[in-house]
Amino acid sequence: MGVLFGTSRAILLGAAGLVILAGLALLGAVGPGSGGLMFVLLGGAAAVVLLFERTRYRSEAAERAGEPIGPGGGEPPGSLEPRFAPTAEVFVDPTSRRQMRVFADPRTGERRYVAED
């Protein structure tokens, strides 16, 4: 689980599981009018989001491999394959306030993002 999930994500996924279990227990003990279904649905929605959410600006390959997160939530500097070339596209990440450079594979159009310091 450590490769696919960071510690905080694993804790949140465990909490979502507990919410689901609490909802199921409430449904079993009190019945459908207990609000237990709402707990099950909310815990399930949280679990789905946690399982499918990606870290900002990261490739799926980097996420699957558990590679370190670069500044601004992108790829670490120097970690891109040579097929990625820098583009003229630059933006400021609203959360980290870091300037991010877009890199693209000209053959496939695949994009990567790296913070510029």
PDB file of N, CA and C in Angstrom:
ATOM      1  N   MET A   1       0.806  -1.183   0.000  1.00  0.00           N
ATOM      2  CA  MET A   1       0.000   0.000   0.000  1.00  0.00           C
ATOM      3  C   MET A   1       0.860   1.262   0.000  1.00  0.00           C
ATOM      4  N   GLY A   2       2.074   1.211   0.543  1.00  0.00           N
ATOM      5  CA  GLY A   2       2.929   2.376   0.647  1.00  0.00           C
ATOM      6  C   GLY A   2       3.356   2.938  -0.695  1.00  0.00           C
ATOM      7  N   VAL A   3       3.530   2.092  -1.718  1.00  0.00           N
ATOM      8  CA  VAL A   3       3.943   2.583  -3.027  1.00  0.00           C
ATOM      9  C   VAL A   3       2.804   3.331  -3.707  1.00  0.00           C
ATOM     10  N   LEU A   4       1.586   2.810  -3.575  1.00  0.00           N
ATOM     11  CA  LEU A   4       0.451   3.431  -4.233  1.00  0.00           C
ATOM     12  C   LEU A   4      -0.111   4.604  -3.449  1.00  0.00           C
ATOM     13  N   PHE A   5       0.046   4.595  -2.145  1.00  0.00           N
ATOM     14  CA  PHE A   5      -0.568   5.613  -1.307  1.00  0.00           C
ATOM     15  C   PHE A   5       0.469   6.247  -0.409  1.00  0.00           C
ATOM     16  N   GLY A   6       0.352   7.575  -0.232  1.00  0.00           N
ATOM     17  CA  GLY A   6       1.134   8.236   0.783  1.00  0.00           C
ATOM     18  C   GLY A   6       0.500   7.943   2.129  1.00  0.00           C
ATOM     19  N   THR A   7       1.184   8.279   3.191  1.00  0.00           N
ATOM     20  CA  THR A   7       0.665   8.004   4.526  1.00  0.00           C
ATOM     21  C   THR A   7      -0.663   8.690   4.770  1.00  0.00           C
ATOM     22  N   SER A   8      -0.765   9.966   4.408  1.00  0.00           N
ATOM     23  CA  SER A   8      -2.015  10.684   4.660  1.00  0.00           C
ATOM     24  C   SER A   8      -3.158  10.109   3.831  1.00  0.00           C
ATOM     25  N   ARG A   9      -2.873   9.707   2.611  1.00  0.00           N
ATOM     26  CA  ARG A   9      -3.922   9.116   1.777  1.00  0.00           C
ATOM     27  C   ARG A   9      -4.387   7.787   2.359  1.00  0.00           C
ATOM     28  N   ALA A  10      -3.466   6.994   2.882  1.00  0.00           N
ATOM     29  CA  ALA A  10      -3.824   5.710   3.490  1.00  0.00           C
ATOM     30  C   ALA A  10      -4.664   5.920   4.744  1.00  0.00           C
ATOM     31  N   ILE A  11      -4.323   6.933   5.548  1.00  0.00           N
ATOM     32  CA  ILE A  11      -5.103   7.233   6.749  1.00  0.00           C
ATOM     33  C   ILE A  11      -6.512   7.672   6.369  1.00  0.00           C
ATOM     34  N   LEU A  12      -6.617   8.537   5.367  1.00  0.00           N
ATOM     35  CA  LEU A  12      -7.932   9.001   4.921  1.00  0.00           C
ATOM     36  C   LEU A  12      -8.762   7.861   4.334  1.00  0.00           C
ATOM     37  N   LEU A  13      -8.111   6.964   3.621  1.00  0.00           N
ATOM     38  CA  LEU A  13      -8.831   5.816   3.075  1.00  0.00           C
ATOM     39  C   LEU A  13      -9.337   4.919   4.211  1.00  0.00           C
ATOM     40  N   GLY A  14      -8.531   4.736   5.246  1.00  0.00           N
ATOM     41  CA  GLY A  14      -8.972   3.978   6.419  1.00  0.00           C
ATOM     42  C   GLY A  14     -10.154   4.647   7.107  1.00  0.00           C
ATOM     43  N   ALA A  15     -10.119   5.982   7.209  1.00  0.00           N
ATOM     44  CA  ALA A  15     -11.232   6.717   7.815  1.00  0.00           C
ATOM     45  C   ALA A  15     -12.496   6.555   6.977  1.00  0.00           C
ATOM     46  N   ALA A  16     -12.364   6.600   5.652  1.00  0.00           N
ATOM     47  CA  ALA A  16     -13.525   6.392   4.778  1.00  0.00           C
ATOM     48  C   ALA A  16     -14.098   4.993   4.994  1.00  0.00           C
ATOM     49  N   GLY A  17     -13.223   4.011   5.160  1.00  0.00           N
ATOM     50  CA  GLY A  17     -13.679   2.648   5.440  1.00  0.00           C
ATOM     51  C   GLY A  17     -14.431   2.554   6.760  1.00  0.00           C
ATOM     52  N   LEU A  18     -13.949   3.288   7.771  1.00  0.00           N
ATOM     53  CA  LEU A  18     -14.647   3.295   9.068  1.00  0.00           C
ATOM     54  C   LEU A  18     -16.016   3.956   8.959  1.00  0.00           C
ATOM     55  N   VAL A  19     -16.116   5.011   8.150  1.00  0.00           N
ATOM     56  CA  VAL A  19     -17.409   5.673   7.935  1.00  0.00           C
ATOM     57  C   VAL A  19     -18.383   4.702   7.260  1.00  0.00           C
ATOM     58  N   ILE A  20     -17.885   3.951   6.293  1.00  0.00           N
ATOM     59  CA  ILE A  20     -18.734   2.952   5.622  1.00  0.00           C
ATOM     60  C   ILE A  20     -19.201   1.898   6.621  1.00  0.00           C
ATOM     61  N   LEU A  21     -18.271   1.394   7.442  1.00  0.00           N
ATOM     62  CA  LEU A  21     -18.630   0.380   8.449  1.00  0.00           C
ATOM     63  C   LEU A  21     -19.631   0.928   9.465  1.00  0.00           C
ATOM     64  N   ALA A  22     -19.446   2.186   9.885  1.00  0.00           N
ATOM     65  CA  ALA A  22     -20.388   2.795  10.820  1.00  0.00           C
ATOM     66  C   ALA A  22     -21.776   2.896  10.192  1.00  0.00           C
ATOM     67  N   GLY A  23     -21.819   3.277   8.931  1.00  0.00           N
ATOM     68  CA  GLY A  23     -23.096   3.363   8.231  1.00  0.00           C
ATOM     69  C   GLY A  23     -23.775   2.008   8.124  1.00  0.00           C
ATOM     70  N   LEU A  24     -22.990   0.984   7.811  1.00  0.00           N
ATOM     71  CA  LEU A  24     -23.557  -0.369   7.717  1.00  0.00           C
ATOM     72  C   LEU A  24     -24.064  -0.852   9.074  1.00  0.00           C
ATOM     73  N   ALA A  25     -23.312  -0.541  10.134  1.00  0.00           N
ATOM     74  CA  ALA A  25     -23.741  -0.924  11.485  1.00  0.00           C
ATOM     75  C   ALA A  25     -25.027  -0.200  11.858  1.00  0.00           C
ATOM     76  N   LEU A  26     -25.113   1.070  11.509  1.00  0.00           N
ATOM     77  CA  LEU A  26     -26.316   1.853  11.789  1.00  0.00           C
ATOM     78  C   LEU A  26     -27.508   1.313  11.014  1.00  0.00           C
ATOM     79  N   LEU A  27     -27.276   0.963   9.770  1.00  0.00           N
ATOM     80  CA  LEU A  27     -28.355   0.374   8.965  1.00  0.00           C
ATOM     81  C   LEU A  27     -28.828  -0.945   9.571  1.00  0.00           C
ATOM     82  N   GLY A  28     -27.890  -1.754  10.015  1.00  0.00           N
ATOM     83  CA  GLY A  28     -28.238  -3.046  10.593  1.00  0.00           C
ATOM     84  C   GLY A  28     -28.939  -2.927  11.933  1.00  0.00           C
ATOM     85  N   ALA A  29     -28.527  -1.957  12.742  1.00  0.00           N
ATOM     86  CA  ALA A  29     -29.084  -1.831  14.082  1.00  0.00           C
ATOM     87  C   ALA A  29     -30.418  -1.092  14.112  1.00  0.00           C
ATOM     88  N   VAL A  30     -30.542  -0.022  13.344  1.00  0.00           N
ATOM     89  CA  VAL A  30     -31.724   0.833  13.427  1.00  0.00           C
ATOM     90  C   VAL A  30     -32.631   0.702  12.207  1.00  0.00           C
ATOM     91  N   GLY A  31     -32.039   0.454  11.049  1.00  0.00           N
ATOM     92  CA  GLY A  31     -32.847   0.313   9.839  1.00  0.00           C
ATOM     93  C   GLY A  31     -32.631   1.454   8.859  1.00  0.00           C
ATOM     94  N   PRO A  32     -33.379   1.452   7.761  1.00  0.00           N
ATOM     95  CA  PRO A  32     -33.171   2.409   6.678  1.00  0.00           C
ATOM     96  C   PRO A  32     -33.390   3.873   7.059  1.00  0.00           C
ATOM     97  N   GLY A  33     -34.219   4.164   8.027  1.00  0.00           N
ATOM     98  CA  GLY A  33     -34.479   5.552   8.402  1.00  0.00           C
ATOM     99  C   GLY A  33     -33.426   6.145   9.313  1.00  0.00           C
ATOM    100  N   SER A  34     -32.342   5.438   9.542  1.00  0.00           N
ATOM    101  CA  SER A  34     -31.344   5.853  10.530  1.00  0.00           C
ATOM    102  C   SER A  34     -30.319   6.842  10.001  1.00  0.00           C
ATOM    103  N   GLY A  35     -30.242   7.029   8.721  1.00  0.00           N
ATOM    104  CA  GLY A  35     -29.185   7.865   8.154  1.00  0.00           C
ATOM    105  C   GLY A  35     -27.935   7.064   7.842  1.00  0.00           C
ATOM    106  N   GLY A  36     -27.975   5.772   8.101  1.00  0.00           N
ATOM    107  CA  GLY A  36     -26.818   4.921   7.830  1.00  0.00           C
ATOM    108  C   GLY A  36     -26.453   4.874   6.364  1.00  0.00           C
ATOM    109  N   LEU A  37     -27.471   4.960   5.500  1.00  0.00           N
ATOM    110  CA  LEU A  37     -27.202   4.945   4.062  1.00  0.00           C
ATOM    111  C   LEU A  37     -26.365   6.152   3.648  1.00  0.00           C
ATOM    112  N   MET A  38     -26.611   7.305   4.294  1.00  0.00           N
ATOM    113  CA  MET A  38     -25.831   8.514   3.986  1.00  0.00           C
ATOM    114  C   MET A  38     -24.359   8.297   4.359  1.00  0.00           C
ATOM    115  N   PHE A  39     -24.113   7.652   5.500  1.00  0.00           N
ATOM    116  CA  PHE A  39     -22.732   7.354   5.894  1.00  0.00           C
ATOM    117  C   PHE A  39     -22.065   6.428   4.876  1.00  0.00           C
ATOM    118  N   VAL A  40     -22.775   5.420   4.436  1.00  0.00           N
ATOM    119  CA  VAL A  40     -22.229   4.475   3.466  1.00  0.00           C
ATOM    120  C   VAL A  40     -21.899   5.197   2.160  1.00  0.00           C
ATOM    121  N   LEU A  41     -22.826   6.041   1.700  1.00  0.00           N
ATOM    122  CA  LEU A  41     -22.599   6.760   0.438  1.00  0.00           C
ATOM    123  C   LEU A  41     -21.454   7.763   0.546  1.00  0.00           C
ATOM    124  N   LEU A  42     -21.398   8.511   1.633  1.00  0.00           N
ATOM    125  CA  LEU A  42     -20.311   9.490   1.803  1.00  0.00           C
ATOM    126  C   LEU A  42     -18.951   8.804   1.950  1.00  0.00           C
ATOM    127  N   GLY A  43     -18.892   7.747   2.744  1.00  0.00           N
ATOM    128  CA  GLY A  43     -17.635   7.004   2.894  1.00  0.00           C
ATOM    129  C   GLY A  43     -17.209   6.373   1.584  1.00  0.00           C
ATOM    130  N   GLY A  44     -18.177   5.844   0.833  1.00  0.00           N
ATOM    131  CA  GLY A  44     -17.864   5.253  -0.474  1.00  0.00           C
ATOM    132  C   GLY A  44     -17.361   6.287  -1.463  1.00  0.00           C
ATOM    133  N   ALA A  45     -18.002   7.464  -1.466  1.00  0.00           N
ATOM    134  CA  ALA A  45     -17.556   8.534  -2.372  1.00  0.00           C
ATOM    135  C   ALA A  45     -16.141   8.981  -2.022  1.00  0.00           C
ATOM    136  N   ALA A  46     -15.861   9.123  -0.724  1.00  0.00           N
ATOM    137  CA  ALA A  46     -14.514   9.519  -0.301  1.00  0.00           C
ATOM    138  C   ALA A  46     -13.486   8.471  -0.717  1.00  0.00           C
ATOM    139  N   ALA A  47     -13.834   7.197  -0.564  1.00  0.00           N
ATOM    140  CA  ALA A  47     -12.907   6.124  -0.943  1.00  0.00           C
ATOM    141  C   ALA A  47     -12.630   6.145  -2.445  1.00  0.00           C
ATOM    142  N   VAL A  48     -13.664   6.354  -3.244  1.00  0.00           N
ATOM    143  CA  VAL A  48     -13.484   6.411  -4.701  1.00  0.00           C
ATOM    144  C   VAL A  48     -12.574   7.572  -5.080  1.00  0.00           C
ATOM    145  N   VAL A  49     -12.811   8.741  -4.487  1.00  0.00           N
ATOM    146  CA  VAL A  49     -11.971   9.908  -4.786  1.00  0.00           C
ATOM    147  C   VAL A  49     -10.523   9.625  -4.394  1.00  0.00           C
ATOM    148  N   LEU A  50     -10.309   9.049  -3.223  1.00  0.00           N
ATOM    149  CA  LEU A  50      -8.943   8.772  -2.773  1.00  0.00           C
ATOM    150  C   LEU A  50      -8.243   7.735  -3.639  1.00  0.00           C
ATOM    151  N   LEU A  51      -8.991   6.778  -4.153  1.00  0.00           N
ATOM    152  CA  LEU A  51      -8.383   5.735  -4.977  1.00  0.00           C
ATOM    153  C   LEU A  51      -8.035   6.232  -6.381  1.00  0.00           C
ATOM    154  N   PHE A  52      -8.801   7.173  -6.898  1.00  0.00           N
ATOM    155  CA  PHE A  52      -8.595   7.597  -8.277  1.00  0.00           C
ATOM    156  C   PHE A  52      -7.984   8.982  -8.421  1.00  0.00           C
ATOM    157  N   GLU A  53      -7.834   9.708  -7.325  1.00  0.00           N
ATOM    158  CA  GLU A  53      -7.248  11.043  -7.370  1.00  0.00           C
ATOM    159  C   GLU A  53      -5.751  10.946  -7.618  1.00  0.00           C
ATOM    160  N   ARG A  54      -5.268  11.857  -8.420  1.00  0.00           N
ATOM    161  CA  ARG A  54      -3.829  11.921  -8.677  1.00  0.00           C
ATOM    162  C   ARG A  54      -3.268  13.187  -8.062  1.00  0.00           C
ATOM    163  N   THR A  55      -1.982  13.163  -7.752  1.00  0.00           N
ATOM    164  CA  THR A  55      -1.334  14.372  -7.287  1.00  0.00           C
ATOM    165  C   THR A  55      -1.275  15.346  -8.453  1.00  0.00           C
ATOM    166  N   ARG A  56      -1.366  16.604  -8.181  1.00  0.00           N
ATOM    167  CA  ARG A  56      -1.412  17.621  -9.224  1.00  0.00           C
ATOM    168  C   ARG A  56      -0.221  17.529 -10.162  1.00  0.00           C
ATOM    169  N   TYR A  57      -0.482  17.710 -11.426  1.00  0.00           N
ATOM    170  CA  TYR A  57       0.546  17.865 -12.451  1.00  0.00           C
ATOM    171  C   TYR A  57       1.505  16.686 -12.563  1.00  0.00           C
ATOM    172  N   ARG A  58       1.134  15.507 -12.118  1.00  0.00           N
ATOM    173  CA  ARG A  58       2.038  14.365 -12.183  1.00  0.00           C
ATOM    174  C   ARG A  58       1.539  13.362 -13.199  1.00  0.00           C
ATOM    175  N   SER A  59       2.466  12.658 -13.785  1.00  0.00           N
ATOM    176  CA  SER A  59       2.107  11.617 -14.738  1.00  0.00           C
ATOM    177  C   SER A  59       1.601  10.388 -13.995  1.00  0.00           C
ATOM    178  N   GLU A  60       0.780   9.605 -14.657  1.00  0.00           N
ATOM    179  CA  GLU A  60       0.283   8.368 -14.057  1.00  0.00           C
ATOM    180  C   GLU A  60       1.431   7.404 -13.782  1.00  0.00           C
ATOM    181  N   ALA A  61       2.431   7.394 -14.669  1.00  0.00           N
ATOM    182  CA  ALA A  61       3.581   6.498 -14.476  1.00  0.00           C
ATOM    183  C   ALA A  61       4.333   6.849 -13.192  1.00  0.00           C
ATOM    184  N   ALA A  62       4.519   8.143 -12.923  1.00  0.00           N
ATOM    185  CA  ALA A  62       5.206   8.569 -11.703  1.00  0.00           C
ATOM    186  C   ALA A  62       4.383   8.219 -10.473  1.00  0.00           C
ATOM    187  N   GLU A  63       3.077   8.358 -10.569  1.00  0.00           N
ATOM    188  CA  GLU A  63       2.201   7.998  -9.455  1.00  0.00           C
ATOM    189  C   GLU A  63       2.277   6.504  -9.158  1.00  0.00           C
ATOM    190  N   ARG A  64       2.185   5.681 -10.209  1.00  0.00           N
ATOM    191  CA  ARG A  64       2.218   4.220 -10.020  1.00  0.00           C
ATOM    192  C   ARG A  64       3.544   3.760  -9.443  1.00  0.00           C
ATOM    193  N   ALA A  65       4.641   4.392  -9.876  1.00  0.00           N
ATOM    194  CA  ALA A  65       5.968   3.985  -9.417  1.00  0.00           C
ATOM    195  C   ALA A  65       6.293   4.536  -8.031  1.00  0.00           C
ATOM    196  N   GLY A  66       5.456   5.439  -7.527  1.00  0.00           N
ATOM    197  CA  GLY A  66       5.710   6.020  -6.217  1.00  0.00           C
ATOM    198  C   GLY A  66       6.903   6.952  -6.204  1.00  0.00           C
ATOM    199  N   GLU A  67       7.195   7.568  -7.355  1.00  0.00           N
ATOM    200  CA  GLU A  67       8.336   8.478  -7.440  1.00  0.00           C
ATOM    201  C   GLU A  67       8.085   9.729  -6.597  1.00  0.00           C
ATOM    202  N   PRO A  68       9.147  10.394  -6.174  1.00  0.00           N
ATOM    203  CA  PRO A  68       8.962  11.585  -5.337  1.00  0.00           C
ATOM    204  C   PRO A  68       8.230  12.693  -6.093  1.00  0.00           C
ATOM    205  N   ILE A  69       7.546  13.518  -5.329  1.00  0.00           N
ATOM    206  CA  ILE A  69       6.807  14.645  -5.895  1.00  0.00           C
ATOM    207  C   ILE A  69       7.737  15.833  -5.972  1.00  0.00           C
ATOM    208  N   GLY A  70       7.767  16.495  -7.115  1.00  0.00           N
ATOM    209  CA  GLY A  70       8.605  17.669  -7.288  1.00  0.00           C
ATOM    210  C   GLY A  70       7.956  18.908  -6.704  1.00  0.00           C
ATOM    211  N   PRO A  71       8.690  20.014  -6.680  1.00  0.00           N
ATOM    212  CA  PRO A  71       8.135  21.272  -6.172  1.00  0.00           C
ATOM    213  C   PRO A  71       6.884  21.667  -6.967  1.00  0.00           C
ATOM    214  N   GLY A  72       5.908  22.202  -6.285  1.00  0.00           N
ATOM    215  CA  GLY A  72       4.686  22.636  -6.953  1.00  0.00           C
ATOM    216  C   GLY A  72       3.773  21.489  -7.341  1.00  0.00           C
ATOM    217  N   GLY A  73       4.106  20.269  -6.934  1.00  0.00           N
ATOM    218  CA  GLY A  73       3.267  19.116  -7.251  1.00  0.00           C
ATOM    219  C   GLY A  73       3.561  18.477  -8.589  1.00  0.00           C
ATOM    220  N   GLY A  74       4.584  18.926  -9.289  1.00  0.00           N
ATOM    221  CA  GLY A  74       4.925  18.363 -10.591  1.00  0.00           C
ATOM    222  C   GLY A  74       5.993  17.289 -10.491  1.00  0.00           C
ATOM    223  N   GLU A  75       6.663  17.080 -11.602  1.00  0.00           N
ATOM    224  CA  GLU A  75       7.752  16.097 -11.643  1.00  0.00           C
ATOM    225  C   GLU A  75       9.004  16.719 -11.021  1.00  0.00           C
ATOM    226  N   PRO A  76       9.853  15.907 -10.380  1.00  0.00           N
ATOM    227  CA  PRO A  76      11.105  16.442  -9.842  1.00  0.00           C
ATOM    228  C   PRO A  76      12.004  16.940 -10.980  1.00  0.00           C
ATOM    229  N   PRO A  77      12.746  18.024 -10.751  1.00  0.00           N
ATOM    230  CA  PRO A  77      13.657  18.526 -11.780  1.00  0.00           C
ATOM    231  C   PRO A  77      14.661  17.446 -12.186  1.00  0.00           C
ATOM    232  N   GLY A  78      14.915  17.333 -13.469  1.00  0.00           N
ATOM    233  CA  GLY A  78      15.875  16.367 -13.988  1.00  0.00           C
ATOM    234  C   GLY A  78      15.341  14.957 -14.117  1.00  0.00           C
ATOM    235  N   SER A  79      14.064  14.734 -13.831  1.00  0.00           N
ATOM    236  CA  SER A  79      13.528  13.375 -13.875  1.00  0.00           C
ATOM    237  C   SER A  79      12.848  13.031 -15.195  1.00  0.00           C
ATOM    238  N   LEU A  80      12.697  14.000 -16.071  1.00  0.00           N
ATOM    239  CA  LEU A  80      11.989  13.743 -17.329  1.00  0.00           C
ATOM    240  C   LEU A  80      12.853  12.992 -18.322  1.00  0.00           C
ATOM    241  N   GLU A  81      12.199  12.148 -19.093  1.00  0.00           N
ATOM    242  CA  GLU A  81      12.883  11.437 -20.170  1.00  0.00           C
ATOM    243  C   GLU A  81      13.282  12.454 -21.247  1.00  0.00           C
ATOM    244  N   PRO A  82      14.319  12.150 -22.021  1.00  0.00           N
ATOM    245  CA  PRO A  82      14.787  13.096 -23.047  1.00  0.00           C
ATOM    246  C   PRO A  82      13.740  13.414 -24.120  1.00  0.00           C
ATOM    247  N   ARG A  83      12.723  12.575 -24.266  1.00  0.00           N
ATOM    248  CA  ARG A  83      11.716  12.835 -25.299  1.00  0.00           C
ATOM    249  C   ARG A  83      10.854  14.058 -24.979  1.00  0.00           C
ATOM    250  N   PHE A  84      10.873  14.529 -23.720  1.00  0.00           N
ATOM    251  CA  PHE A  84      10.089  15.702 -23.332  1.00  0.00           C
ATOM    252  C   PHE A  84      10.915  16.963 -23.544  1.00  0.00           C
ATOM    253  N   ALA A  85      10.359  17.890 -24.317  1.00  0.00           N
ATOM    254  CA  ALA A  85      11.027  19.155 -24.599  1.00  0.00           C
ATOM    255  C   ALA A  85      10.252  20.290 -23.940  1.00  0.00           C
ATOM    256  N   PRO A  86      10.958  21.312 -23.442  1.00  0.00           N
ATOM    257  CA  PRO A  86      10.246  22.433 -22.828  1.00  0.00           C
ATOM    258  C   PRO A  86       9.422  23.183 -23.877  1.00  0.00           C
ATOM    259  N   THR A  87       8.277  23.670 -23.470  1.00  0.00           N
ATOM    260  CA  THR A  87       7.433  24.473 -24.353  1.00  0.00           C
ATOM    261  C   THR A  87       7.472  25.925 -23.858  1.00  0.00           C
ATOM    262  N   ALA A  88       6.828  26.795 -24.585  1.00  0.00           N
ATOM    263  CA  ALA A  88       6.746  28.202 -24.173  1.00  0.00           C
ATOM    264  C   ALA A  88       5.664  28.408 -23.115  1.00  0.00           C
ATOM    265  N   GLU A  89       4.913  27.358 -22.825  1.00  0.00           N
ATOM    266  CA  GLU A  89       3.798  27.477 -21.883  1.00  0.00           C
ATOM    267  C   GLU A  89       4.305  27.452 -20.443  1.00  0.00           C
ATOM    268  N   VAL A  90       3.994  28.510 -19.715  1.00  0.00           N
ATOM    269  CA  VAL A  90       4.358  28.650 -18.314  1.00  0.00           C
ATOM    270  C   VAL A  90       3.130  29.185 -17.582  1.00  0.00           C
ATOM    271  N   PHE A  91       2.898  28.708 -16.367  1.00  0.00           N
ATOM    272  CA  PHE A  91       1.783  29.212 -15.566  1.00  0.00           C
ATOM    273  C   PHE A  91       2.176  29.185 -14.103  1.00  0.00           C
ATOM    274  N   VAL A  92       1.422  29.907 -13.291  1.00  0.00           N
ATOM    275  CA  VAL A  92       1.667  29.919 -11.851  1.00  0.00           C
ATOM    276  C   VAL A  92       0.612  29.042 -11.193  1.00  0.00           C
ATOM    277  N   ASP A  93       1.082  28.047 -10.442  1.00  0.00           N
ATOM    278  CA  ASP A  93       0.178  27.171  -9.718  1.00  0.00           C
ATOM    279  C   ASP A  93      -0.484  27.985  -8.612  1.00  0.00           C
ATOM    280  N   PRO A  94      -1.822  28.011  -8.573  1.00  0.00           N
ATOM    281  CA  PRO A  94      -2.499  28.856  -7.588  1.00  0.00           C
ATOM    282  C   PRO A  94      -2.318  28.411  -6.137  1.00  0.00           C
ATOM    283  N   THR A  95      -2.015  27.153  -5.907  1.00  0.00           N
ATOM    284  CA  THR A  95      -1.859  26.658  -4.539  1.00  0.00           C
ATOM    285  C   THR A  95      -0.462  26.918  -3.999  1.00  0.00           C
ATOM    286  N   SER A  96       0.550  26.500  -4.749  1.00  0.00           N
ATOM    287  CA  SER A  96       1.928  26.634  -4.273  1.00  0.00           C
ATOM    288  C   SER A  96       2.563  27.964  -4.674  1.00  0.00           C
ATOM    289  N   ARG A  97       1.938  28.665  -5.612  1.00  0.00           N
ATOM    290  CA  ARG A  97       2.444  29.930  -6.165  1.00  0.00           C
ATOM    291  C   ARG A  97       3.789  29.756  -6.874  1.00  0.00           C
ATOM    292  N   ARG A  98       4.049  28.548  -7.305  1.00  0.00           N
ATOM    293  CA  ARG A  98       5.284  28.285  -8.054  1.00  0.00           C
ATOM    294  C   ARG A  98       5.017  28.406  -9.548  1.00  0.00           C
ATOM    295  N   GLN A  99       6.012  28.885 -10.247  1.00  0.00           N
ATOM    296  CA  GLN A  99       5.919  28.962 -11.706  1.00  0.00           C
ATOM    297  C   GLN A  99       6.225  27.578 -12.271  1.00  0.00           C
ATOM    298  N   MET A 100       5.313  27.081 -13.082  1.00  0.00           N
ATOM    299  CA  MET A 100       5.433  25.735 -13.641  1.00  0.00           C
ATOM    300  C   MET A 100       5.694  25.827 -15.145  1.00  0.00           C
ATOM    301  N   ARG A 101       6.649  25.049 -15.624  1.00  0.00           N
ATOM    302  CA  ARG A 101       6.964  24.962 -17.061  1.00  0.00           C
ATOM    303  C   ARG A 101       6.345  23.688 -17.598  1.00  0.00           C
ATOM    304  N   VAL A 102       5.735  23.800 -18.766  1.00  0.00           N
ATOM    305  CA  VAL A 102       5.134  22.642 -19.424  1.00  0.00           C
ATOM    306  C   VAL A 102       6.166  22.029 -20.371  1.00  0.00           C
ATOM    307  N   PHE A 103       6.335  20.719 -20.268  1.00  0.00           N
ATOM    308  CA  PHE A 103       7.184  19.951 -21.173  1.00  0.00           C
ATOM    309  C   PHE A 103       6.273  19.029 -21.959  1.00  0.00           C
ATOM    310  N   ALA A 104       6.585  18.789 -23.225  1.00  0.00           N
ATOM    311  CA  ALA A 104       5.729  17.930 -24.047  1.00  0.00           C
ATOM    312  C   ALA A 104       6.563  16.997 -24.902  1.00  0.00           C
ATOM    313  N   ASP A 105       5.994  15.843 -25.172  1.00  0.00           N
ATOM    314  CA  ASP A 105       6.578  14.903 -26.124  1.00  0.00           C
ATOM    315  C   ASP A 105       5.997  15.290 -27.481  1.00  0.00           C
ATOM    316  N   PRO A 106       6.812  15.811 -28.407  1.00  0.00           N
ATOM    317  CA  PRO A 106       6.280  16.287 -29.683  1.00  0.00           C
ATOM    318  C   PRO A 106       5.633  15.185 -30.524  1.00  0.00           C
ATOM    319  N   ARG A 107       6.025  13.949 -30.280  1.00  0.00           N
ATOM    320  CA  ARG A 107       5.479  12.837 -31.063  1.00  0.00           C
ATOM    321  C   ARG A 107       4.077  12.445 -30.596  1.00  0.00           C
ATOM    322  N   THR A 108       3.869  12.401 -29.269  1.00  0.00           N
ATOM    323  CA  THR A 108       2.593  11.922 -28.737  1.00  0.00           C
ATOM    324  C   THR A 108       1.702  13.026 -28.171  1.00  0.00           C
ATOM    325  N   GLY A 109       2.285  14.186 -27.855  1.00  0.00           N
ATOM    326  CA  GLY A 109       1.526  15.262 -27.234  1.00  0.00           C
ATOM    327  C   GLY A 109       1.416  15.115 -25.722  1.00  0.00           C
ATOM    328  N   GLU A 110       2.011  14.051 -25.169  1.00  0.00           N
ATOM    329  CA  GLU A 110       1.981  13.829 -23.721  1.00  0.00           C
ATOM    330  C   GLU A 110       2.688  14.989 -23.022  1.00  0.00           C
ATOM    331  N   ARG A 111       2.143  15.427 -21.889  1.00  0.00           N
ATOM    332  CA  ARG A 111       2.666  16.605 -21.203  1.00  0.00           C
ATOM    333  C   ARG A 111       3.151  16.265 -19.800  1.00  0.00           C
ATOM    334  N   ARG A 112       4.153  17.021 -19.347  1.00  0.00           N
ATOM    335  CA  ARG A 112       4.663  16.936 -17.974  1.00  0.00           C
ATOM    336  C   ARG A 112       4.860  18.368 -17.475  1.00  0.00           C
ATOM    337  N   TYR A 113       4.888  18.520 -16.163  1.00  0.00           N
ATOM    338  CA  TYR A 113       4.983  19.840 -15.556  1.00  0.00           C
ATOM    339  C   TYR A 113       6.113  19.837 -14.529  1.00  0.00           C
ATOM    340  N   VAL A 114       6.976  20.855 -14.605  1.00  0.00           N
ATOM    341  CA  VAL A 114       8.126  20.975 -13.694  1.00  0.00           C
ATOM    342  C   VAL A 114       8.185  22.411 -13.179  1.00  0.00           C
ATOM    343  N   ALA A 115       8.375  22.556 -11.865  1.00  0.00           N
ATOM    344  CA  ALA A 115       8.498  23.885 -11.270  1.00  0.00           C
ATOM    345  C   ALA A 115       9.801  24.536 -11.691  1.00  0.00           C
ATOM    346  N   GLU A 116       9.722  25.829 -11.975  1.00  0.00           N
ATOM    347  CA  GLU A 116      10.928  26.588 -12.275  1.00  0.00           C
ATOM    348  C   GLU A 116      11.285  27.388 -11.039  1.00  0.00           C
ATOM    349  N   ASP A 117      12.516  27.226 -10.568  1.00  0.00           N
ATOM    350  CA  ASP A 117      12.910  27.941  -9.336  1.00  0.00           C
ATOM    351  C   ASP A 117      13.499  29.277  -9.639  1.00  0.00           C
TER     352      ASP A 117
END
